[in-house]
Protein backbone atom coordinates (compact mmCIF):
# COMPACT_ATOMS: atom_id res chain seq x y z
CA MET A 1 2.36 -150.47 -65.25
CA THR A 2 5.11 -152.98 -64.58
CA TYR A 3 5.58 -153.76 -60.91
CA LEU A 4 9.29 -154.39 -60.73
CA ALA A 5 11.71 -153.04 -58.19
CA GLU A 6 14.80 -153.99 -56.29
CA LYS A 7 13.89 -155.33 -52.85
CA GLY A 8 17.21 -154.74 -51.15
CA ASP A 9 19.84 -157.36 -50.43
CA GLY A 10 17.33 -159.92 -49.19
CA SER A 11 18.31 -159.57 -45.55
CA GLU A 12 15.34 -157.36 -44.63
CA ARG A 13 12.72 -158.98 -42.47
CA ILE A 14 9.34 -158.37 -44.09
CA ALA A 15 6.04 -158.79 -42.26
CA VAL A 16 2.67 -158.71 -44.00
CA ILE A 17 0.00 -157.60 -41.53
CA ILE A 18 -3.59 -158.51 -42.46
CA PRO A 19 -6.36 -157.19 -40.18
CA CYS A 20 -9.50 -159.31 -40.51
CA TYR A 21 -13.04 -159.41 -39.20
CA ASN A 22 -15.25 -162.16 -40.67
CA GLU A 23 -13.21 -162.58 -43.85
CA VAL A 24 -13.37 -166.39 -44.16
CA VAL A 25 -14.27 -166.07 -47.86
CA THR A 26 -11.14 -164.11 -48.79
CA VAL A 27 -8.41 -164.50 -46.17
CA ALA A 28 -6.88 -167.72 -47.52
CA LYS A 29 -6.49 -166.26 -51.00
CA VAL A 30 -4.93 -163.08 -49.60
CA VAL A 31 -2.42 -165.15 -47.62
CA HIS A 32 -1.57 -167.32 -50.65
CA ASP A 33 -1.16 -164.29 -52.94
CA PHE A 34 1.25 -162.51 -50.61
CA ARG A 35 3.13 -165.75 -49.96
CA GLN A 36 3.60 -166.05 -53.73
CA HIS A 37 4.82 -162.49 -54.30
CA LEU A 38 6.77 -162.12 -51.02
CA PRO A 39 7.99 -165.67 -50.39
CA GLY A 40 10.35 -164.72 -47.55
CA ALA A 41 7.85 -162.60 -45.63
CA GLU A 42 6.08 -163.50 -42.41
CA ILE A 43 2.32 -163.42 -42.98
CA VAL A 44 0.43 -162.35 -39.86
CA VAL A 45 -3.38 -162.37 -39.77
CA LEU A 46 -4.89 -160.42 -36.89
CA ASP A 47 -8.35 -161.77 -36.23
CA ASN A 48 -10.55 -159.12 -34.62
CA ASP A 49 -12.86 -161.55 -32.81
CA SER A 50 -14.36 -163.06 -35.99
CA THR A 51 -17.29 -165.47 -35.75
CA ASP A 52 -17.07 -167.17 -39.17
CA GLY A 53 -13.90 -169.27 -38.99
CA THR A 54 -11.48 -166.65 -40.30
CA SER A 55 -8.72 -167.80 -37.94
CA ARG A 56 -8.93 -171.45 -39.03
CA ALA A 57 -8.88 -170.48 -42.70
CA ALA A 58 -5.83 -168.27 -42.15
CA GLU A 59 -3.97 -170.96 -40.22
CA ARG A 60 -4.69 -173.56 -42.90
CA ALA A 61 -3.30 -171.14 -45.47
CA GLY A 62 -0.06 -170.96 -43.50
CA ALA A 63 -0.39 -167.61 -41.75
CA ARG A 64 0.51 -166.83 -38.17
CA VAL A 65 -2.71 -165.77 -36.41
CA LEU A 66 -2.98 -163.27 -33.57
CA HIS A 67 -6.31 -162.73 -31.83
CA VAL A 68 -7.34 -159.17 -30.96
CA GLY A 69 -10.38 -158.89 -28.70
CA ALA A 70 -10.72 -155.09 -28.69
CA ALA A 71 -13.00 -154.20 -31.60
CA GLY A 72 -11.78 -151.82 -34.28
CA LYS A 73 -9.09 -151.72 -36.95
CA GLY A 74 -7.10 -149.17 -34.95
CA ASN A 75 -6.79 -151.61 -32.06
CA VAL A 76 -5.65 -154.30 -34.49
CA VAL A 77 -2.94 -152.10 -36.01
CA ARG A 78 -1.77 -151.07 -32.55
CA ARG A 79 -1.38 -154.72 -31.54
CA ALA A 80 0.40 -155.60 -34.77
CA PHE A 81 2.91 -152.77 -34.49
CA ALA A 82 3.61 -153.74 -30.89
CA ASP A 83 3.97 -157.51 -31.32
CA VAL A 84 5.35 -158.09 -34.83
CA GLU A 85 9.09 -157.66 -35.33
CA ALA A 86 10.31 -156.73 -38.82
CA ASP A 87 12.32 -154.22 -40.84
CA ILE A 88 9.56 -153.65 -43.39
CA TYR A 89 5.84 -153.79 -42.61
CA VAL A 90 3.18 -154.32 -45.26
CA LEU A 91 -0.32 -153.47 -44.04
CA VAL A 92 -3.19 -154.71 -46.21
CA ASP A 93 -6.89 -155.40 -45.70
CA GLY A 94 -8.00 -159.03 -45.79
CA ASP A 95 -10.88 -158.51 -48.26
CA ASP A 96 -8.94 -159.40 -51.45
CA THR A 97 -9.45 -155.99 -53.05
CA TYR A 98 -5.75 -155.04 -53.18
CA SER A 99 -3.14 -156.51 -55.51
CA ALA A 100 -0.43 -158.61 -53.87
CA ARG A 101 1.72 -158.43 -56.99
CA CYS A 102 2.28 -154.73 -56.28
CA ALA A 103 3.96 -155.47 -52.94
CA PRO A 104 7.53 -155.94 -54.29
CA TYR A 105 7.26 -152.62 -56.13
CA LEU A 106 5.98 -150.78 -53.07
CA ILE A 107 8.79 -152.24 -50.96
CA GLY A 108 11.29 -151.33 -53.68
CA CYS A 109 10.11 -147.72 -53.56
CA LEU A 110 10.51 -147.66 -49.78
CA LEU A 111 14.06 -148.99 -49.98
CA GLN A 112 15.38 -147.19 -53.03
CA GLN A 113 14.03 -143.78 -52.05
CA ARG A 114 14.75 -144.26 -48.31
CA LEU A 115 11.14 -143.60 -47.35
CA ASP A 116 9.21 -144.22 -44.16
CA MET A 117 5.79 -144.88 -45.72
CA VAL A 118 4.46 -145.75 -49.16
CA VAL A 119 0.70 -145.49 -49.70
CA ALA A 120 -0.98 -147.59 -52.39
CA ALA A 121 -3.47 -145.19 -53.98
CA ARG A 122 -6.51 -147.08 -55.23
CA VAL A 123 -7.25 -147.04 -58.96
CA SER A 124 -10.40 -148.86 -60.00
CA GLU A 125 -12.77 -148.93 -62.97
CA ALA A 126 -15.36 -151.04 -61.14
CA LYS A 127 -18.15 -148.84 -59.80
CA ASP A 128 -18.99 -151.22 -56.96
CA ALA A 129 -15.39 -151.40 -55.77
CA TYR A 130 -15.20 -147.87 -54.45
CA ARG A 131 -18.59 -146.37 -53.59
CA LEU A 132 -19.47 -142.74 -54.36
CA GLY A 133 -20.05 -141.83 -50.71
CA HIS A 134 -16.64 -143.14 -49.73
CA ARG A 135 -15.00 -141.25 -52.61
CA PHE A 136 -16.63 -138.02 -51.45
CA GLY A 137 -15.64 -138.60 -47.83
CA ASN A 138 -12.09 -139.40 -48.90
CA ARG A 139 -11.85 -136.16 -50.88
CA LEU A 140 -13.31 -134.13 -48.03
CA LEU A 141 -10.84 -135.57 -45.56
CA THR A 142 -7.97 -135.15 -48.03
CA GLY A 143 -8.83 -131.47 -48.47
CA CYS A 144 -8.90 -130.95 -44.71
CA VAL A 145 -5.49 -132.57 -44.21
CA ALA A 146 -4.01 -130.57 -47.10
CA TRP A 147 -5.31 -127.39 -45.48
CA LEU A 148 -3.81 -128.35 -42.11
CA PHE A 149 -0.42 -129.60 -43.28
CA GLY A 150 0.06 -128.04 -46.71
CA ARG A 151 0.56 -131.42 -48.38
CA THR A 152 -1.25 -134.74 -48.35
CA PHE A 153 -2.04 -137.93 -50.24
CA THR A 154 -4.70 -138.37 -52.90
CA ASP A 155 -6.05 -141.52 -51.21
CA MET A 156 -6.13 -140.82 -47.49
CA LEU A 157 -8.16 -143.93 -46.62
CA SER A 158 -6.18 -146.58 -48.48
CA GLY A 159 -5.83 -149.81 -46.52
CA TYR A 160 -2.66 -150.88 -48.34
CA ARG A 161 0.63 -149.38 -47.13
CA VAL A 162 4.29 -150.19 -46.56
CA PHE A 163 6.22 -148.84 -43.55
CA SER A 164 9.77 -148.68 -42.33
CA ARG A 165 10.66 -149.96 -38.86
CA ARG A 166 11.37 -146.40 -37.73
CA TYR A 167 7.85 -145.34 -38.65
CA VAL A 168 6.22 -148.28 -36.88
CA ARG A 169 8.22 -147.90 -33.69
CA SER A 170 7.43 -144.18 -33.43
CA PHE A 171 3.71 -144.44 -34.25
CA PRO A 172 1.49 -143.80 -31.16
CA ALA A 173 -1.71 -145.45 -32.54
CA HIS A 174 -4.44 -143.64 -30.64
CA ALA A 175 -7.35 -144.42 -32.99
CA SER A 176 -9.48 -147.47 -32.28
CA GLY A 177 -11.51 -147.81 -35.50
CA PHE A 178 -11.28 -146.99 -39.20
CA GLU A 179 -9.90 -143.55 -38.33
CA ILE A 180 -6.54 -145.31 -38.10
CA GLU A 181 -5.77 -144.54 -41.78
CA THR A 182 -6.08 -140.82 -41.08
CA GLU A 183 -3.80 -141.13 -38.06
CA LEU A 184 -1.23 -143.01 -40.13
CA ASN A 185 -1.13 -140.15 -42.64
CA VAL A 186 -1.09 -137.39 -40.04
CA HIS A 187 1.82 -138.99 -38.17
CA ALA A 188 3.95 -138.95 -41.32
CA LEU A 189 2.92 -135.47 -42.47
CA GLN A 190 3.23 -133.89 -39.05
CA LEU A 191 6.82 -135.11 -38.63
CA ARG A 192 7.64 -134.38 -42.29
CA MET A 193 8.72 -137.94 -42.95
CA PRO A 194 9.82 -138.96 -46.44
CA VAL A 195 6.75 -140.60 -47.98
CA ALA A 196 5.36 -141.50 -51.39
CA GLU A 197 2.12 -142.57 -53.02
CA VAL A 198 1.91 -145.17 -55.78
CA PRO A 199 -1.22 -145.88 -57.91
CA THR A 200 -2.26 -149.53 -57.59
CA PRO A 201 -5.20 -151.58 -58.88
CA TYR A 202 -8.23 -151.88 -56.64
CA GLY A 203 -10.96 -154.46 -57.24
CA ALA A 204 -14.42 -155.29 -55.99
CA ARG A 205 -14.99 -157.81 -53.23
CA PRO A 206 -15.52 -161.37 -54.48
CA PRO A 207 -19.02 -162.93 -54.30
CA GLY A 208 -20.02 -163.93 -50.78
CA SER A 209 -17.87 -161.26 -49.14
CA SER A 210 -19.48 -158.16 -47.66
CA SER A 211 -17.98 -154.80 -46.71
CA LYS A 212 -17.85 -153.77 -43.06
CA LEU A 213 -18.09 -150.09 -44.03
CA ASN A 214 -21.30 -148.05 -43.88
CA THR A 215 -21.52 -144.87 -45.96
CA TYR A 216 -23.48 -142.80 -43.43
CA ARG A 217 -21.96 -144.15 -40.23
CA ASP A 218 -18.43 -143.86 -41.56
CA GLY A 219 -19.25 -140.47 -43.09
CA ILE A 220 -20.08 -139.23 -39.59
CA ARG A 221 -16.81 -140.76 -38.39
CA ILE A 222 -14.93 -138.84 -41.08
CA LEU A 223 -16.56 -135.55 -40.05
CA ARG A 224 -15.72 -136.26 -36.42
CA THR A 225 -12.16 -137.08 -37.45
CA ILE A 226 -11.87 -133.76 -39.31
CA ALA A 227 -13.15 -131.86 -36.28
CA ALA A 228 -10.74 -133.73 -34.02
CA LEU A 229 -7.86 -133.00 -36.39
CA VAL A 230 -8.55 -129.26 -36.39
CA HIS A 231 -8.92 -129.30 -32.58
CA ALA A 232 -5.69 -131.26 -32.04
CA GLU A 233 -3.44 -129.81 -34.73
CA ARG A 234 -4.70 -126.22 -35.04
CA PRO A 235 -6.08 -125.37 -31.59
CA LEU A 236 -5.60 -121.63 -32.05
CA LEU A 237 -7.77 -121.73 -35.17
CA PHE A 238 -10.36 -123.96 -33.49
CA PHE A 239 -10.74 -121.95 -30.30
CA GLY A 240 -10.17 -118.66 -32.11
CA ALA A 241 -13.19 -119.35 -34.33
CA ILE A 242 -15.29 -120.12 -31.24
CA SER A 243 -14.01 -116.94 -29.61
CA ILE A 244 -15.00 -114.81 -32.60
CA ALA A 245 -18.47 -116.38 -32.75
CA LEU A 246 -19.06 -115.72 -29.04
CA LEU A 247 -17.78 -112.17 -29.30
CA LEU A 248 -20.08 -111.41 -32.24
CA ALA A 249 -23.02 -112.83 -30.26
CA ALA A 250 -22.07 -110.61 -27.30
CA ILE A 251 -21.92 -107.53 -29.53
CA ALA A 252 -25.28 -108.39 -31.11
CA LEU A 253 -26.90 -108.55 -27.65
CA ALA A 254 -25.22 -105.38 -26.39
CA ALA A 255 -25.79 -103.19 -29.45
CA PRO A 256 -29.52 -102.43 -28.77
CA LEU A 257 -28.70 -101.50 -25.16
CA LEU A 258 -25.90 -99.07 -25.94
CA PRO A 259 -27.99 -96.03 -27.09
CA ALA A 260 -30.16 -96.10 -23.93
CA TYR A 261 -27.09 -96.47 -21.73
CA LEU A 262 -25.34 -93.52 -23.38
CA ALA A 263 -28.46 -91.35 -23.07
CA THR A 264 -29.50 -92.19 -19.51
CA GLY A 265 -26.61 -94.05 -17.91
CA LEU A 266 -28.98 -96.91 -17.15
CA VAL A 267 -29.09 -100.44 -18.50
CA PRO A 268 -32.68 -101.09 -19.69
CA ARG A 269 -32.47 -104.92 -19.83
CA LEU A 270 -30.09 -106.19 -17.16
CA PRO A 271 -30.37 -109.94 -17.97
CA THR A 272 -29.48 -109.26 -21.61
CA ALA A 273 -26.53 -107.14 -20.53
CA LEU A 274 -25.31 -109.86 -18.18
CA MET A 275 -25.59 -112.43 -20.96
CA SER A 276 -23.57 -110.19 -23.26
CA VAL A 277 -20.84 -109.80 -20.64
CA ALA A 278 -20.79 -113.57 -20.00
CA LEU A 279 -20.40 -114.28 -23.72
CA ALA A 280 -17.59 -111.74 -24.01
CA LEU A 281 -15.74 -113.28 -21.06
CA THR A 282 -16.21 -116.78 -22.47
CA ALA A 283 -14.80 -115.55 -25.78
CA MET A 284 -11.68 -114.31 -23.98
CA VAL A 285 -11.31 -117.63 -22.16
CA SER A 286 -11.67 -119.53 -25.45
CA LEU A 287 -8.98 -117.42 -27.07
CA ALA A 288 -6.67 -118.00 -24.08
CA CYS A 289 -7.26 -121.76 -24.38
CA GLY A 290 -6.32 -121.61 -28.04
CA LEU A 291 -3.08 -119.77 -27.33
CA ILE A 292 -2.07 -122.15 -24.54
CA LEU A 293 -2.97 -125.31 -26.46
CA ASN A 294 -1.15 -124.03 -29.53
CA ASN A 295 2.09 -124.00 -27.54
CA VAL A 296 1.27 -127.42 -26.07
CA THR A 297 0.72 -128.80 -29.59
CA ARG A 298 4.05 -127.46 -30.79
CA GLY A 299 5.78 -129.09 -27.83
CA ARG A 300 3.97 -132.39 -28.45
CA VAL A 301 5.01 -132.45 -32.11
CA GLU A 302 8.62 -131.73 -31.17
CA ALA A 303 8.56 -134.54 -28.60
CA LYS A 304 7.22 -136.96 -31.23
CA HIS A 305 9.92 -135.85 -33.64
CA LEU A 306 12.65 -136.45 -31.07
CA ALA A 307 11.20 -139.90 -30.35
CA TYR A 308 11.25 -140.65 -34.08
CA LEU A 309 14.88 -139.55 -34.38
CA SER A 310 15.88 -141.60 -31.34
CA ILE A 311 15.06 -144.83 -33.18
CA SER A 312 18.16 -146.04 -34.97
CA SER A 313 18.02 -146.12 -38.74
CA ASN A 314 17.76 -149.78 -39.70
CA ARG A 315 18.50 -151.58 -42.93
CA VAL A 316 15.39 -150.16 -44.54
CA ASN A 317 16.69 -146.64 -44.30
CA GLY A 318 20.27 -147.42 -45.10
C-alpha cells in the first residue's frame, strides 16, 4: 500500500499527541519518526507520571512535554484534548508499534473525505505484536458495539487515530483508563459522525520495551466496559432483561402455591408467597427504570449532538 495523500493547503495546525508511561526506550524514536513524516506538526508527549526518564528523553528529542499525574490513558487523553490547540489531532501510543509514515495518508483521508475520525486498523504478521487474548477481547467488544449501534470498526482498540477539531472539542472523555478507545468509538458512532478505518502496519515492541497491558486484567475491563455500554446506551434492554429474570423467579416461587390457594383459599407457605410478591414488584420497578432511563438516554444523545453541531466547522471540515 502506498501512503500518499493530499494534506490540505498546509495551513492546518497539526498536533501529534503521544501518551506515555515508562516508554524511555521508544519515545525518542516515535518523536523523531513523526517529526520526519509530519515536519510542521507540534509533537506533544504526555508523561503519565513515568519513573524511567521518559520526559527527559522526549524533551531531548524535541517534543513538548506535559505531565499528567492522574493515572490512566483516559486521563491523559482528556488533558491533551483540553490543553492542546490544533485543527487536526493525531493520537498515537508511544511504544513504537505504529507506523509514522502512515500519518500523512490518514490525515489526507480526514481532509479529503471531510471526516471527523480516522482509525488506523492494525495489520500485523508478527504473533507477539498482537496477542491472542487481546484479539479475542477486541472482537468481543466489536461485536457488542455493532449490536448496539448497527455499525462499528474492525479494530475497536487501536491506539492510532486522527481527529478533527470538531470531534475533539465535543468529546466528553469520561473514561480514565484503557477504556478510552471504546469511548472514542462510541462518541463517533452515537452521533453518526463521518468516520473511516484504514488498515495500517502494526509491529512488535522493540527489545527492552514491555507492554503495560495484561490479558486477564484488561479482559475483565473489556467485559465491564461492555456491561457499562449496554447499561448506558440501551437501558430499556438492560433493565428489561433484569425485569424478566425477576418475574420468572417470582412465577417459579408462586407456581407450587397456586393449586393449594385455589382449592382452600389459604396460602400454605407465607414467606415464599411474600418473596414471590417482592420479586414481582421489583421486576415492575426495574422495567419502570428502564423506560425512564431510555428517555433520559435519548435526551442525552440529542444534547451531545447539539453540542457537536454548535462547534464551528474549521478548516479540517471545509
